[in-house]
Every structure is written in C-alpha cells, then in structure tokens.
C-alpha cells in the first residue's frame, strides 16, 4: 500500500478524490486535511461526508504522495515542502501549468512563489505525457477546459492536419462546479438556473495555458457557463490542411487514442455531456462544416478535468495501473 494525502480537502476536487481513493486497491488516504496550518478540524455537516483534519506535517511526512487541491498561488510553497520530504506531488492548481515565472505573473497577477520548481514540473495531460509523468516528482494537473481542448488539438497539430497559422476557435461550456465551491452572484442557483452566458472573453486565464501547450498563438478560447452542475463541452472550429477533411482528422485521433481506456473517438454521431458525467472519460466527434472541421469534445470537469486525471497521474507516479480507482 502507498499512503497519500489530500490537502485542500473541503473543495469539490478534494471530495472527488476522497470518493475515488475509497475504492483504490493500492493507495491509502492517510491524511485528508485543510491546506492551512491555522485551520481547525472540520466536522462534516452530514454523516456521510468525510472529516477534514488539521494540516499535520508529521502525517504528511509519512506519505508517499500528495494531491494539492489548493487555490492558485498557495500550492507552490506546499509543493516545495512536500518535495523536500521526498513525496510525489500532483498539483491541481495552476501554479505549475505555465513554464515561465513571467508568464505566470502576467496571467495570475502575482509573482510565482517557487519559480525554481518550474523546470521540473511535468504538464500532466496523461495520455500525451506518460513517459514524463512516470519519471516525475511534480506534476501540474491541466485545467479542465484545456484538457477537453488539448486532447483533441495536440495530435492534429503535431500531424500537420490543421492549416498552419489559421485561427482555431475553442467555444467551451462548463457546469457551475468549474467555478469552485465558494458561492458567487454569478453561480448562485437563482442566477444560473435557466440562464446561459459567455464570460472572461479574451481574458480567461486558460487561454495562455491552451496556447502554450498546443504550441499555437492562433487559438481563441471563449468559455460559457451552463446551467448544469458538472461537465464541459468544447466545440472546436479548425481549418483543415489542404486536401484534408474530417475523416482524415478523425482517423488521426482514432489512431492516436486506439486502446486508450479513457478516450473515445466517435465514428458517427455527436457526443453529449451525459455520456461522460461521473466518469473519467473524454469523448470526441468530428464533422465537416462548410470547408471547416468542427470537433466536439466532452469531459466531466471534476474527474477527467481535475481529480480523475490527477489520480491517473499519481497512479503512474507511484507504479500502479493507470486505471486503478477510476473504472
């Protein structure tokens, strides 16, 4: 058995990890705690919910790995200390997703707290980074929107099947859980129910992440808020390379992800949120549309877009089957 800790346990991603780890046959959840040393233990409001412990570094030191489900800007110091203790770290925040301290400061508005760790952080889009994840001490779990987009775009860009320099439009819709547990006027039930809107147009922090890891500045990302709790559907509009159609792009993705346990490329029809909610799956479909190719990609933002992918990565880092705890 390997012992793991979850820090930042009170949020959605921490609770999802708690549920996943309960059925993991090789990882013991040894410490489920707040990320703040001055926090007091939290008794659950409901009997079925887990207890949240006070942060205890002696308990963490006895672990093999740690999941950081902590806010942007607070994960880096925690990661640094965990690495000093010899732990494997999967960070679900954005602290290690961008490669340079300057980029991080531009996007998040403050200096990076541990810039010396950025060169060793592996961007953990698992299906696209397995050898690096296997050898990593520190994995940056991708953002939820970027996961839905990059799984589709990276193979196509690498194969030269998208016209070079042509605009790529990523029109993405997420459930309200993507905004986190803390309530806001925008995510309040009365404002989100039977409503639909775009937000962060041209300014959303995931656009630089998507551009960096796709290797293209031609990407325009527009997020929307859906009146559902969980799930992301990304509609991606691309100009295919000369002589290519959706069948060529579909063939590339199908070949890339053949045999993958968590990625399915549809040969016909379209994908839907209900097909991936409460799973670690990503489903994709492609269609020709007036000289362009439209790719639709769906994931559960709390699983494949966060806690499920984090467990995929930790499974590989600690030597388990990638699917353990995720079936």
C-alpha atoms as a PDB file:
ATOM      1  CA  UNK A   1       0.000   0.000   0.000  1.00  0.00           C
ATOM      2  CA  UNK A   2       1.070   3.571  -0.725  1.00  0.00           C
ATOM      3  CA  UNK A   3      -0.008   6.338   1.627  1.00  0.00           C
ATOM      4  CA  UNK A   4      -1.293   9.598   0.146  1.00  0.00           C
ATOM      5  CA  UNK A   5      -2.519  12.931   1.476  1.00  0.00           C
ATOM      6  CA  UNK A   6      -5.100  15.343   0.078  1.00  0.00           C
ATOM      7  CA  UNK A   7      -4.540  18.962   1.061  1.00  0.00           C
ATOM      8  CA  UNK A   8      -7.326  21.452   0.432  1.00  0.00           C
ATOM      9  CA  UNK A   9      -9.875  18.800   1.220  1.00  0.00           C
ATOM     10  CA  UNK A  10     -13.004  20.922   1.577  1.00  0.00           C
ATOM     11  CA  UNK A  11     -13.442  21.810  -2.108  1.00  0.00           C
ATOM     12  CA  UNK A  12     -15.064  19.843  -4.891  1.00  0.00           C
ATOM     13  CA  UNK A  13     -11.828  18.317  -6.183  1.00  0.00           C
ATOM     14  CA  UNK A  14     -10.760  17.182  -2.702  1.00  0.00           C
ATOM     15  CA  UNK A  15     -14.096  15.483  -2.132  1.00  0.00           C
ATOM     16  CA  UNK A  16     -13.970  13.800  -5.526  1.00  0.00           C
ATOM     17  CA  UNK A  17     -10.524  12.421  -4.666  1.00  0.00           C
ATOM     18  CA  UNK A  18     -11.846  11.150  -1.347  1.00  0.00           C
ATOM     19  CA  UNK A  19     -14.517   9.167  -3.204  1.00  0.00           C
ATOM     20  CA  UNK A  20     -12.043   7.799  -5.749  1.00  0.00           C
ATOM     21  CA  UNK A  21      -9.467   6.771  -3.167  1.00  0.00           C
ATOM     22  CA  UNK A  22     -12.041   4.860  -1.114  1.00  0.00           C
ATOM     23  CA  UNK A  23     -12.156   2.257  -3.883  1.00  0.00           C
ATOM     24  CA  UNK A  24      -8.434   2.296  -4.759  1.00  0.00           C
ATOM     25  CA  UNK A  25      -6.781  -1.044  -4.015  1.00  0.00           C
ATOM     26  CA  UNK A  26      -3.263   0.313  -3.631  1.00  0.00           C
ATOM     27  CA  UNK A  27      -3.500   3.794  -2.114  1.00  0.00           C
ATOM     28  CA  UNK A  28      -4.482   4.539   1.450  1.00  0.00           C
ATOM     29  CA  UNK A  29      -5.821   8.037   2.119  1.00  0.00           C
ATOM     30  CA  UNK A  30      -3.726   8.712   5.207  1.00  0.00           C
ATOM     31  CA  UNK A  31      -4.334  12.444   5.617  1.00  0.00           C
ATOM     32  CA  UNK A  32      -7.385  14.378   4.376  1.00  0.00           C
ATOM     33  CA  UNK A  33      -6.747  17.915   5.508  1.00  0.00           C
ATOM     34  CA  UNK A  34      -7.071  21.627   5.135  1.00  0.00           C
ATOM     35  CA  UNK A  35      -4.146  23.329   3.428  1.00  0.00           C
ATOM     36  CA  UNK A  36      -3.873  25.953   6.171  1.00  0.00           C
ATOM     37  CA  UNK A  37      -1.817  25.312   9.270  1.00  0.00           C
ATOM     38  CA  UNK A  38      -4.036  27.632  11.338  1.00  0.00           C
ATOM     39  CA  UNK A  39      -7.268  25.905  10.276  1.00  0.00           C
ATOM     40  CA  UNK A  40      -9.231  23.870  12.785  1.00  0.00           C
ATOM     41  CA  UNK A  41     -10.554  20.388  12.019  1.00  0.00           C
ATOM     42  CA  UNK A  42     -13.963  20.425  10.347  1.00  0.00           C
ATOM     43  CA  UNK A  43     -16.745  18.077  11.375  1.00  0.00           C
ATOM     44  CA  UNK A  44     -18.998  17.257   8.418  1.00  0.00           C
ATOM     45  CA  UNK A  45     -22.490  18.684   8.257  1.00  0.00           C
ATOM     46  CA  UNK A  46     -23.785  15.333   7.036  1.00  0.00           C
ATOM     47  CA  UNK A  47     -22.946  11.928   8.472  1.00  0.00           C
ATOM     48  CA  UNK A  48     -21.962  10.605   5.036  1.00  0.00           C
ATOM     49  CA  UNK A  49     -19.311  13.313   4.479  1.00  0.00           C
ATOM     50  CA  UNK A  50     -15.643  12.897   5.454  1.00  0.00           C
ATOM     51  CA  UNK A  51     -13.911  14.572   8.382  1.00  0.00           C
ATOM     52  CA  UNK A  52     -11.384  17.211   7.385  1.00  0.00           C
ATOM     53  CA  UNK A  53      -8.288  17.146   9.566  1.00  0.00           C
ATOM     54  CA  UNK A  54      -5.939  19.909  10.608  1.00  0.00           C
ATOM     55  CA  UNK A  55      -2.806  20.142   8.474  1.00  0.00           C
ATOM     56  CA  UNK A  56      -0.199  17.893  10.097  1.00  0.00           C
ATOM     57  CA  UNK A  57       3.271  17.834   8.548  1.00  0.00           C
ATOM     58  CA  UNK A  58       4.297  14.785  10.581  1.00  0.00           C
ATOM     59  CA  UNK A  59       1.415  12.857   8.987  1.00  0.00           C
ATOM     60  CA  UNK A  60       2.345  14.171   5.529  1.00  0.00           C
ATOM     61  CA  UNK A  61       5.969  13.120   6.024  1.00  0.00           C
ATOM     62  CA  UNK A  62       4.817   9.504   6.381  1.00  0.00           C
ATOM     63  CA  UNK A  63       3.105   9.591   2.971  1.00  0.00           C
ATOM     64  CA  UNK A  64       4.361   8.645  -0.475  1.00  0.00           C
ATOM     65  CA  UNK A  65       2.351  11.173  -2.456  1.00  0.00           C
ATOM     66  CA  UNK A  66       0.216  14.269  -2.018  1.00  0.00           C
ATOM     67  CA  UNK A  67      -2.591  15.863  -4.014  1.00  0.00           C
ATOM     68  CA  UNK A  68      -2.738  19.650  -3.729  1.00  0.00           C
ATOM     69  CA  UNK A  69      -6.360  20.746  -4.188  1.00  0.00           C
ATOM     70  CA  UNK A  70      -5.438  24.265  -3.188  1.00  0.00           C
ATOM     71  CA  UNK A  71      -6.062  27.736  -4.654  1.00  0.00           C
ATOM     72  CA  UNK A  72      -3.755  29.238  -7.248  1.00  0.00           C
ATOM     73  CA  UNK A  73      -0.848  30.931  -5.513  1.00  0.00           C
ATOM     74  CA  UNK A  74      -0.903  28.756  -2.408  1.00  0.00           C
ATOM     75  CA  UNK A  75       0.129  25.420  -3.921  1.00  0.00           C
ATOM     76  CA  UNK A  76       3.720  26.326  -4.793  1.00  0.00           C
ATOM     77  CA  UNK A  77       5.049  26.695  -1.201  1.00  0.00           C
ATOM     78  CA  UNK A  78       3.243  23.500  -0.188  1.00  0.00           C
ATOM     79  CA  UNK A  79       4.686  21.646  -3.187  1.00  0.00           C
ATOM     80  CA  UNK A  80       8.171  22.830  -2.307  1.00  0.00           C
ATOM     81  CA  UNK A  81       7.925  21.486   1.236  1.00  0.00           C
ATOM     82  CA  UNK A  82       6.397  18.181   0.110  1.00  0.00           C
ATOM     83  CA  UNK A  83       9.192  17.661  -2.411  1.00  0.00           C
ATOM     84  CA  UNK A  84      11.759  18.319   0.333  1.00  0.00           C
ATOM     85  CA  UNK A  85      10.103  15.488   2.275  1.00  0.00           C
ATOM     86  CA  UNK A  86      10.548  13.180  -0.724  1.00  0.00           C
ATOM     87  CA  UNK A  87       6.882  12.968  -1.730  1.00  0.00           C
ATOM     88  CA  UNK A  88       5.458  12.739  -5.233  1.00  0.00           C
ATOM     89  CA  UNK A  89       3.218  15.756  -5.848  1.00  0.00           C
ATOM     90  CA  UNK A  90       0.228  16.273  -8.138  1.00  0.00           C
ATOM     91  CA  UNK A  91      -0.873  19.909  -8.052  1.00  0.00           C
ATOM     92  CA  UNK A  92      -4.448  20.560  -9.167  1.00  0.00           C
ATOM     93  CA  UNK A  93      -3.974  24.339  -9.102  1.00  0.00           C
ATOM     94  CA  UNK A  94      -2.446  26.433 -11.884  1.00  0.00           C
ATOM     95  CA  UNK A  95       0.829  27.107 -10.083  1.00  0.00           C
ATOM     96  CA  UNK A  96       2.956  24.879 -12.343  1.00  0.00           C
ATOM     97  CA  UNK A  97       0.990  24.799 -15.603  1.00  0.00           C
ATOM     98  CA  UNK A  98       2.876  27.645 -17.303  1.00  0.00           C
ATOM     99  CA  UNK A  99       6.575  27.243 -17.985  1.00  0.00           C
ATOM    100  CA  UNK A 100       7.906  30.681 -17.100  1.00  0.00           C
ATOM    101  CA  UNK A 101       7.579  32.846 -13.964  1.00  0.00           C
ATOM    102  CA  UNK A 102       6.954  35.874 -16.176  1.00  0.00           C
ATOM    103  CA  UNK A 103       4.001  34.193 -17.907  1.00  0.00           C
ATOM    104  CA  UNK A 104       2.579  33.122 -14.575  1.00  0.00           C
ATOM    105  CA  UNK A 105       2.819  36.645 -13.158  1.00  0.00           C
ATOM    106  CA  UNK A 106       1.169  38.122 -16.247  1.00  0.00           C
ATOM    107  CA  UNK A 107      -1.755  35.701 -16.102  1.00  0.00           C
ATOM    108  CA  UNK A 108      -2.306  35.414 -12.355  1.00  0.00           C
ATOM    109  CA  UNK A 109      -1.239  38.872 -11.219  1.00  0.00           C
ATOM    110  CA  UNK A 110       1.405  37.951  -8.646  1.00  0.00           C
ATOM    111  CA  UNK A 111       4.938  36.602  -8.590  1.00  0.00           C
ATOM    112  CA  UNK A 112       5.419  32.844  -8.584  1.00  0.00           C
ATOM    113  CA  UNK A 113       6.215  31.549  -5.095  1.00  0.00           C
ATOM    114  CA  UNK A 114       8.612  28.773  -6.200  1.00  0.00           C
ATOM    115  CA  UNK A 115       9.987  29.591  -9.663  1.00  0.00           C
ATOM    116  CA  UNK A 116      12.910  27.213  -9.149  1.00  0.00           C
ATOM    117  CA  UNK A 117      10.480  24.285  -9.396  1.00  0.00           C
ATOM    118  CA  UNK A 118       9.005  25.220 -12.772  1.00  0.00           C
ATOM    119  CA  UNK A 119      11.701  23.443 -14.859  1.00  0.00           C
ATOM    120  CA  UNK A 120      10.980  20.099 -13.184  1.00  0.00           C
ATOM    121  CA  UNK A 121       7.169  20.312 -13.301  1.00  0.00           C
ATOM    122  CA  UNK A 122       5.558  17.985 -15.861  1.00  0.00           C
ATOM    123  CA  UNK A 123       2.328  19.074 -17.527  1.00  0.00           C
ATOM    124  CA  UNK A 124       0.204  16.029 -16.780  1.00  0.00           C
ATOM    125  CA  UNK A 125      -2.108  15.583 -19.750  1.00  0.00           C
ATOM    126  CA  UNK A 126      -1.712  11.894 -19.061  1.00  0.00           C
ATOM    127  CA  UNK A 127      -2.355  10.336 -22.460  1.00  0.00           C
ATOM    128  CA  UNK A 128       0.101  12.780 -24.046  1.00  0.00           C
ATOM    129  CA  UNK A 129       2.833  12.732 -21.381  1.00  0.00           C
ATOM    130  CA  UNK A 130       3.184   9.223 -19.962  1.00  0.00           C
ATOM    131  CA  UNK A 131       6.999   8.835 -20.018  1.00  0.00           C
ATOM    132  CA  UNK A 132       7.449  12.234 -18.383  1.00  0.00           C
ATOM    133  CA  UNK A 133       4.739  11.573 -15.790  1.00  0.00           C
ATOM    134  CA  UNK A 134       6.281   8.199 -14.911  1.00  0.00           C
ATOM    135  CA  UNK A 135       9.587   9.870 -14.052  1.00  0.00           C
ATOM    136  CA  UNK A 136       8.132  12.989 -12.432  1.00  0.00           C
ATOM    137  CA  UNK A 137       8.309  14.192  -8.855  1.00  0.00           C
ATOM    138  CA  UNK A 138       5.973  17.111  -9.549  1.00  0.00           C
ATOM    139  CA  UNK A 139       3.028  17.038 -11.962  1.00  0.00           C
ATOM    140  CA  UNK A 140       0.921  20.043 -12.887  1.00  0.00           C
ATOM    141  CA  UNK A 141      -2.597  18.746 -13.438  1.00  0.00           C
ATOM    142  CA  UNK A 142      -4.039  20.532 -16.520  1.00  0.00           C
ATOM    143  CA  UNK A 143      -7.007  22.842 -16.269  1.00  0.00           C
ATOM    144  CA  UNK A 144     -10.420  21.413 -17.047  1.00  0.00           C
ATOM    145  CA  UNK A 145     -11.076  23.474 -20.182  1.00  0.00           C
ATOM    146  CA  UNK A 146      -7.534  22.849 -21.528  1.00  0.00           C
ATOM    147  CA  UNK A 147      -7.942  19.093 -21.016  1.00  0.00           C
ATOM    148  CA  UNK A 148     -11.073  19.000 -23.176  1.00  0.00           C
ATOM    149  CA  UNK A 149      -9.335  21.034 -25.898  1.00  0.00           C
ATOM    150  CA  UNK A 150      -5.743  19.788 -25.898  1.00  0.00           C
ATOM    151  CA  UNK A 151      -6.615  16.090 -26.064  1.00  0.00           C
ATOM    152  CA  UNK A 152      -8.242  16.881 -29.409  1.00  0.00           C
ATOM    153  CA  UNK A 153      -5.848  19.504 -30.775  1.00  0.00           C
ATOM    154  CA  UNK A 154      -2.395  18.233 -29.857  1.00  0.00           C
ATOM    155  CA  UNK A 155      -2.373  15.147 -32.136  1.00  0.00           C
ATOM    156  CA  UNK A 156      -3.860  17.088 -35.065  1.00  0.00           C
ATOM    157  CA  UNK A 157      -1.380  19.940 -34.797  1.00  0.00           C
ATOM    158  CA  UNK A 158       1.523  17.505 -34.431  1.00  0.00           C
ATOM    159  CA  UNK A 159       0.403  15.652 -37.577  1.00  0.00           C
ATOM    160  CA  UNK A 160       0.055  18.860 -39.602  1.00  0.00           C
ATOM    161  CA  UNK A 161      -3.630  18.252 -40.304  1.00  0.00           C
ATOM    162  CA  UNK A 162      -4.697  21.785 -39.342  1.00  0.00           C
ATOM    163  CA  UNK A 163      -3.803  24.673 -41.648  1.00  0.00           C
ATOM    164  CA  UNK A 164      -0.769  26.357 -40.190  1.00  0.00           C
ATOM    165  CA  UNK A 165      -1.478  29.815 -38.767  1.00  0.00           C
ATOM    166  CA  UNK A 166      -5.234  29.591 -39.321  1.00  0.00           C
ATOM    167  CA  UNK A 167      -7.470  30.741 -36.483  1.00  0.00           C
ATOM    168  CA  UNK A 168      -8.663  27.970 -34.161  1.00  0.00           C
ATOM    169  CA  UNK A 169     -11.801  28.837 -32.198  1.00  0.00           C
ATOM    170  CA  UNK A 170     -12.483  26.910 -28.985  1.00  0.00           C
ATOM    171  CA  UNK A 171     -16.024  27.579 -27.811  1.00  0.00           C
ATOM    172  CA  UNK A 172     -16.378  25.831 -24.439  1.00  0.00           C
ATOM    173  CA  UNK A 173     -19.239  25.422 -21.984  1.00  0.00           C
ATOM    174  CA  UNK A 174     -18.870  24.327 -18.368  1.00  0.00           C
ATOM    175  CA  UNK A 175     -21.153  23.476 -15.480  1.00  0.00           C
ATOM    176  CA  UNK A 176     -21.107  25.711 -12.404  1.00  0.00           C
ATOM    177  CA  UNK A 177     -18.855  23.366 -10.385  1.00  0.00           C
ATOM    178  CA  UNK A 178     -15.983  24.626 -12.547  1.00  0.00           C
ATOM    179  CA  UNK A 179     -16.140  27.879 -10.571  1.00  0.00           C
ATOM    180  CA  UNK A 180     -15.348  26.057  -7.329  1.00  0.00           C
ATOM    181  CA  UNK A 181     -17.208  25.600  -4.073  1.00  0.00           C
ATOM    182  CA  UNK A 182     -17.343  29.205  -2.887  1.00  0.00           C
ATOM    183  CA  UNK A 183     -20.615  30.809  -3.993  1.00  0.00           C
ATOM    184  CA  UNK A 184     -20.812  33.948  -6.083  1.00  0.00           C
ATOM    185  CA  UNK A 185     -23.578  36.051  -7.547  1.00  0.00           C
ATOM    186  CA  UNK A 186     -22.869  34.525 -10.962  1.00  0.00           C
ATOM    187  CA  UNK A 187     -23.047  30.876  -9.816  1.00  0.00           C
ATOM    188  CA  UNK A 188     -25.921  31.326  -7.376  1.00  0.00           C
ATOM    189  CA  UNK A 189     -28.780  28.979  -8.326  1.00  0.00           C
ATOM    190  CA  UNK A 190     -31.158  31.855  -8.941  1.00  0.00           C
ATOM    191  CA  UNK A 191     -28.777  33.415 -11.478  1.00  0.00           C
ATOM    192  CA  UNK A 192     -27.512  30.278 -13.214  1.00  0.00           C
ATOM    193  CA  UNK A 193     -30.764  28.306 -13.451  1.00  0.00           C
ATOM    194  CA  UNK A 194     -32.337  28.629 -16.908  1.00  0.00           C
ATOM    195  CA  UNK A 195     -29.538  31.000 -17.901  1.00  0.00           C
ATOM    196  CA  UNK A 196     -26.547  30.778 -20.268  1.00  0.00           C
ATOM    197  CA  UNK A 197     -23.730  33.246 -20.818  1.00  0.00           C
ATOM    198  CA  UNK A 198     -20.177  33.801 -22.019  1.00  0.00           C
ATOM    199  CA  UNK A 199     -17.590  35.122 -19.572  1.00  0.00           C
ATOM    200  CA  UNK A 200     -13.899  36.004 -19.498  1.00  0.00           C
ATOM    201  CA  UNK A 201     -13.980  36.661 -23.236  1.00  0.00           C
ATOM    202  CA  UNK A 202     -10.423  37.436 -24.348  1.00  0.00           C
ATOM    203  CA  UNK A 203      -9.165  37.453 -20.756  1.00  0.00           C
ATOM    204  CA  UNK A 204      -9.662  33.958 -19.354  1.00  0.00           C
ATOM    205  CA  UNK A 205      -6.543  32.513 -17.686  1.00  0.00           C
ATOM    206  CA  UNK A 206      -6.891  29.193 -19.520  1.00  0.00           C
ATOM    207  CA  UNK A 207      -6.201  30.732 -22.939  1.00  0.00           C
ATOM    208  CA  UNK A 208      -2.441  31.183 -22.299  1.00  0.00           C
ATOM    209  CA  UNK A 209      -2.297  27.620 -20.937  1.00  0.00           C
ATOM    210  CA  UNK A 210      -4.034  26.227 -24.016  1.00  0.00           C
ATOM    211  CA  UNK A 211      -1.858  28.231 -26.412  1.00  0.00           C
ATOM    212  CA  UNK A 212       1.371  27.249 -24.665  1.00  0.00           C
ATOM    213  CA  UNK A 213       0.690  23.516 -24.608  1.00  0.00           C
ATOM    214  CA  UNK A 214      -0.838  23.435 -28.085  1.00  0.00           C
ATOM    215  CA  UNK A 215       2.134  25.399 -29.423  1.00  0.00           C
ATOM    216  CA  UNK A 216      -0.126  27.849 -31.238  1.00  0.00           C
ATOM    217  CA  UNK A 217      -0.987  31.515 -30.686  1.00  0.00           C
ATOM    218  CA  UNK A 218      -3.791  31.218 -33.243  1.00  0.00           C
ATOM    219  CA  UNK A 219      -6.179  29.795 -30.627  1.00  0.00           C
ATOM    220  CA  UNK A 220      -9.121  31.880 -29.447  1.00  0.00           C
ATOM    221  CA  UNK A 221     -10.817  30.492 -26.346  1.00  0.00           C
ATOM    222  CA  UNK A 222     -14.287  31.584 -25.204  1.00  0.00           C
ATOM    223  CA  UNK A 223     -15.804  29.970 -22.074  1.00  0.00           C
ATOM    224  CA  UNK A 224     -19.500  29.831 -21.226  1.00  0.00           C
ATOM    225  CA  UNK A 225     -21.422  28.935 -18.080  1.00  0.00           C
ATOM    226  CA  UNK A 226     -24.014  26.173 -18.444  1.00  0.00           C
ATOM    227  CA  UNK A 227     -26.925  25.804 -16.013  1.00  0.00           C
ATOM    228  CA  UNK A 228     -25.765  22.292 -15.007  1.00  0.00           C
ATOM    229  CA  UNK A 229     -23.532  21.182 -12.143  1.00  0.00           C
ATOM    230  CA  UNK A 230     -20.815  19.180 -13.881  1.00  0.00           C
ATOM    231  CA  UNK A 231     -19.425  18.654 -17.352  1.00  0.00           C
ATOM    232  CA  UNK A 232     -17.642  20.527 -20.161  1.00  0.00           C
ATOM    233  CA  UNK A 233     -18.466  20.516 -23.859  1.00  0.00           C
ATOM    234  CA  UNK A 234     -15.886  22.172 -26.123  1.00  0.00           C
ATOM    235  CA  UNK A 235     -16.758  22.939 -29.729  1.00  0.00           C
ATOM    236  CA  UNK A 236     -13.517  23.479 -31.662  1.00  0.00           C
ATOM    237  CA  UNK A 237     -13.541  25.036 -35.139  1.00  0.00           C
ATOM    238  CA  UNK A 238     -10.467  24.371 -37.286  1.00  0.00           C
ATOM    239  CA  UNK A 239      -9.404  24.931 -40.900  1.00  0.00           C
ATOM    240  CA  UNK A 240      -8.066  21.590 -42.146  1.00  0.00           C
ATOM    241  CA  UNK A 241      -4.806  21.403 -44.060  1.00  0.00           C
ATOM    242  CA  UNK A 242      -5.103  21.380 -47.843  1.00  0.00           C
ATOM    243  CA  UNK A 243      -6.763  18.222 -49.094  1.00  0.00           C
ATOM    244  CA  UNK A 244      -7.930  17.116 -45.654  1.00  0.00           C
ATOM    245  CA  UNK A 245     -11.453  16.561 -44.357  1.00  0.00           C
ATOM    246  CA  UNK A 246     -12.987  15.410 -41.092  1.00  0.00           C
ATOM    247  CA  UNK A 247     -12.339  11.754 -41.978  1.00  0.00           C
ATOM    248  CA  UNK A 248      -8.589  12.424 -42.055  1.00  0.00           C
ATOM    249  CA  UNK A 249      -8.633  14.230 -38.716  1.00  0.00           C
ATOM    250  CA  UNK A 250     -10.892  11.583 -37.197  1.00  0.00           C
ATOM    251  CA  UNK A 251      -8.544   8.861 -38.388  1.00  0.00           C
ATOM    252  CA  UNK A 252      -5.601  10.605 -36.738  1.00  0.00           C
ATOM    253  CA  UNK A 253      -7.404  10.897 -33.407  1.00  0.00           C
ATOM    254  CA  UNK A 254      -8.725   7.342 -33.600  1.00  0.00           C
ATOM    255  CA  UNK A 255      -5.229   6.009 -34.236  1.00  0.00           C
ATOM    256  CA  UNK A 256      -3.714   8.186 -31.505  1.00  0.00           C
ATOM    257  CA  UNK A 257      -6.185   7.009 -28.884  1.00  0.00           C
ATOM    258  CA  UNK A 258      -6.742   3.427 -30.016  1.00  0.00           C
ATOM    259  CA  UNK A 259      -6.867   1.236 -26.936  1.00  0.00           C
ATOM    260  CA  UNK A 260      -6.954   4.163 -24.527  1.00  0.00           C
ATOM    261  CA  UNK A 261      -9.168   3.400 -21.522  1.00  0.00           C
ATOM    262  CA  UNK A 262     -10.379   6.973 -21.069  1.00  0.00           C
ATOM    263  CA  UNK A 263     -10.599   8.483 -24.570  1.00  0.00           C
ATOM    264  CA  UNK A 264     -13.162   7.511 -27.200  1.00  0.00           C
ATOM    265  CA  UNK A 265     -13.361   8.938 -30.723  1.00  0.00           C
ATOM    266  CA  UNK A 266     -16.843   8.584 -32.204  1.00  0.00           C
ATOM    267  CA  UNK A 267     -17.035   7.299 -35.774  1.00  0.00           C
ATOM    268  CA  UNK A 268     -20.511   8.772 -36.236  1.00  0.00           C
ATOM    269  CA  UNK A 269     -22.957  10.955 -34.359  1.00  0.00           C
ATOM    270  CA  UNK A 270     -22.222  13.555 -31.721  1.00  0.00           C
ATOM    271  CA  UNK A 271     -21.044  13.496 -28.124  1.00  0.00           C
ATOM    272  CA  UNK A 272     -23.116  14.550 -25.105  1.00  0.00           C
ATOM    273  CA  UNK A 273     -22.436  15.564 -21.520  1.00  0.00           C
ATOM    274  CA  UNK A 274     -24.497  12.706 -20.120  1.00  0.00           C
ATOM    275  CA  UNK A 275     -22.117  10.223 -21.741  1.00  0.00           C
ATOM    276  CA  UNK A 276     -19.178  11.342 -19.588  1.00  0.00           C
ATOM    277  CA  UNK A 277     -20.653  12.767 -16.380  1.00  0.00           C
ATOM    278  CA  UNK A 278     -19.372  10.920 -13.276  1.00  0.00           C
ATOM    279  CA  UNK A 279     -16.650   9.213 -15.374  1.00  0.00           C
ATOM    280  CA  UNK A 280     -13.018   9.841 -16.267  1.00  0.00           C
ATOM    281  CA  UNK A 281     -13.850   9.672 -19.984  1.00  0.00           C
ATOM    282  CA  UNK A 282     -13.243  12.111 -22.825  1.00  0.00           C
ATOM    283  CA  UNK A 283     -15.490  11.623 -25.860  1.00  0.00           C
ATOM    284  CA  UNK A 284     -14.820  13.303 -29.214  1.00  0.00           C
ATOM    285  CA  UNK A 285     -16.664  13.632 -32.519  1.00  0.00           C
ATOM    286  CA  UNK A 286     -15.814  15.403 -35.793  1.00  0.00           C
ATOM    287  CA  UNK A 287     -17.828  16.746 -38.723  1.00  0.00           C
ATOM    288  CA  UNK A 288     -17.236  18.711 -41.910  1.00  0.00           C
ATOM    289  CA  UNK A 289     -18.879  22.140 -41.974  1.00  0.00           C
ATOM    290  CA  UNK A 290     -18.557  24.453 -44.976  1.00  0.00           C
ATOM    291  CA  UNK A 291     -14.821  23.960 -45.504  1.00  0.00           C
ATOM    292  CA  UNK A 292     -14.005  23.718 -41.802  1.00  0.00           C
ATOM    293  CA  UNK A 293     -13.904  20.780 -39.419  1.00  0.00           C
ATOM    294  CA  UNK A 294     -15.852  21.003 -36.175  1.00  0.00           C
ATOM    295  CA  UNK A 295     -14.593  18.915 -33.267  1.00  0.00           C
ATOM    296  CA  UNK A 296     -16.745  18.362 -30.200  1.00  0.00           C
ATOM    297  CA  UNK A 297     -15.084  17.132 -27.012  1.00  0.00           C
ATOM    298  CA  UNK A 298     -16.786  16.377 -23.688  1.00  0.00           C
ATOM    299  CA  UNK A 299     -15.445  15.583 -20.221  1.00  0.00           C
ATOM    300  CA  UNK A 300     -16.577  15.694 -16.614  1.00  0.00           C
ATOM    301  CA  UNK A 301     -14.733  18.767 -15.341  1.00  0.00           C
ATOM    302  CA  UNK A 302     -14.400  17.366 -11.805  1.00  0.00           C
ATOM    303  CA  UNK A 303     -12.999  13.999 -12.937  1.00  0.00           C
ATOM    304  CA  UNK A 304     -11.161  13.959 -16.280  1.00  0.00           C
ATOM    305  CA  UNK A 305     -10.766  17.721 -15.885  1.00  0.00           C
ATOM    306  CA  UNK A 306      -9.439  17.526 -12.321  1.00  0.00           C
ATOM    307  CA  UNK A 307      -9.493  14.730  -9.726  1.00  0.00           C
ATOM    308  CA  UNK A 308      -9.751  11.762 -12.097  1.00  0.00           C
ATOM    309  CA  UNK A 309      -6.827  12.902 -14.213  1.00  0.00           C
ATOM    310  CA  UNK A 310      -4.895  13.687 -11.006  1.00  0.00           C
ATOM    311  CA  UNK A 311      -5.382  10.092  -9.891  1.00  0.00           C
ATOM    312  CA  UNK A 312      -4.335   8.862 -13.352  1.00  0.00           C
ATOM    313  CA  UNK A 313      -1.103  10.771 -12.901  1.00  0.00           C
ATOM    314  CA  UNK A 314      -0.471   9.662  -9.328  1.00  0.00           C
ATOM    315  CA  UNK A 315      -1.151   6.053 -10.324  1.00  0.00           C
ATOM    316  CA  UNK A 316       1.668   6.258 -12.836  1.00  0.00           C
ATOM    317  CA  UNK A 317       3.992   8.133 -10.476  1.00  0.00           C
ATOM    318  CA  UNK A 318       3.558   5.508  -7.750  1.00  0.00           C
ATOM    319  CA  UNK A 319       3.689   2.488 -10.054  1.00  0.00           C
ATOM    320  CA  UNK A 320       0.017   1.452 -10.207  1.00  0.00           C
ATOM    321  CA  UNK A 321      -2.133   0.610 -13.192  1.00  0.00           C
ATOM    322  CA  UNK A 322      -3.323   3.898 -14.659  1.00  0.00           C
ATOM    323  CA  UNK A 323      -6.969   2.846 -14.405  1.00  0.00           C
ATOM    324  CA  UNK A 324      -6.868   1.827 -10.737  1.00  0.00           C
ATOM    325  CA  UNK A 325      -9.667   3.512  -8.790  1.00  0.00           C
ATOM    326  CA  UNK A 326     -11.123   5.016 -11.971  1.00  0.00           C
ATOM    327  CA  UNK A 327     -13.083   2.217 -13.595  1.00  0.00           C
END
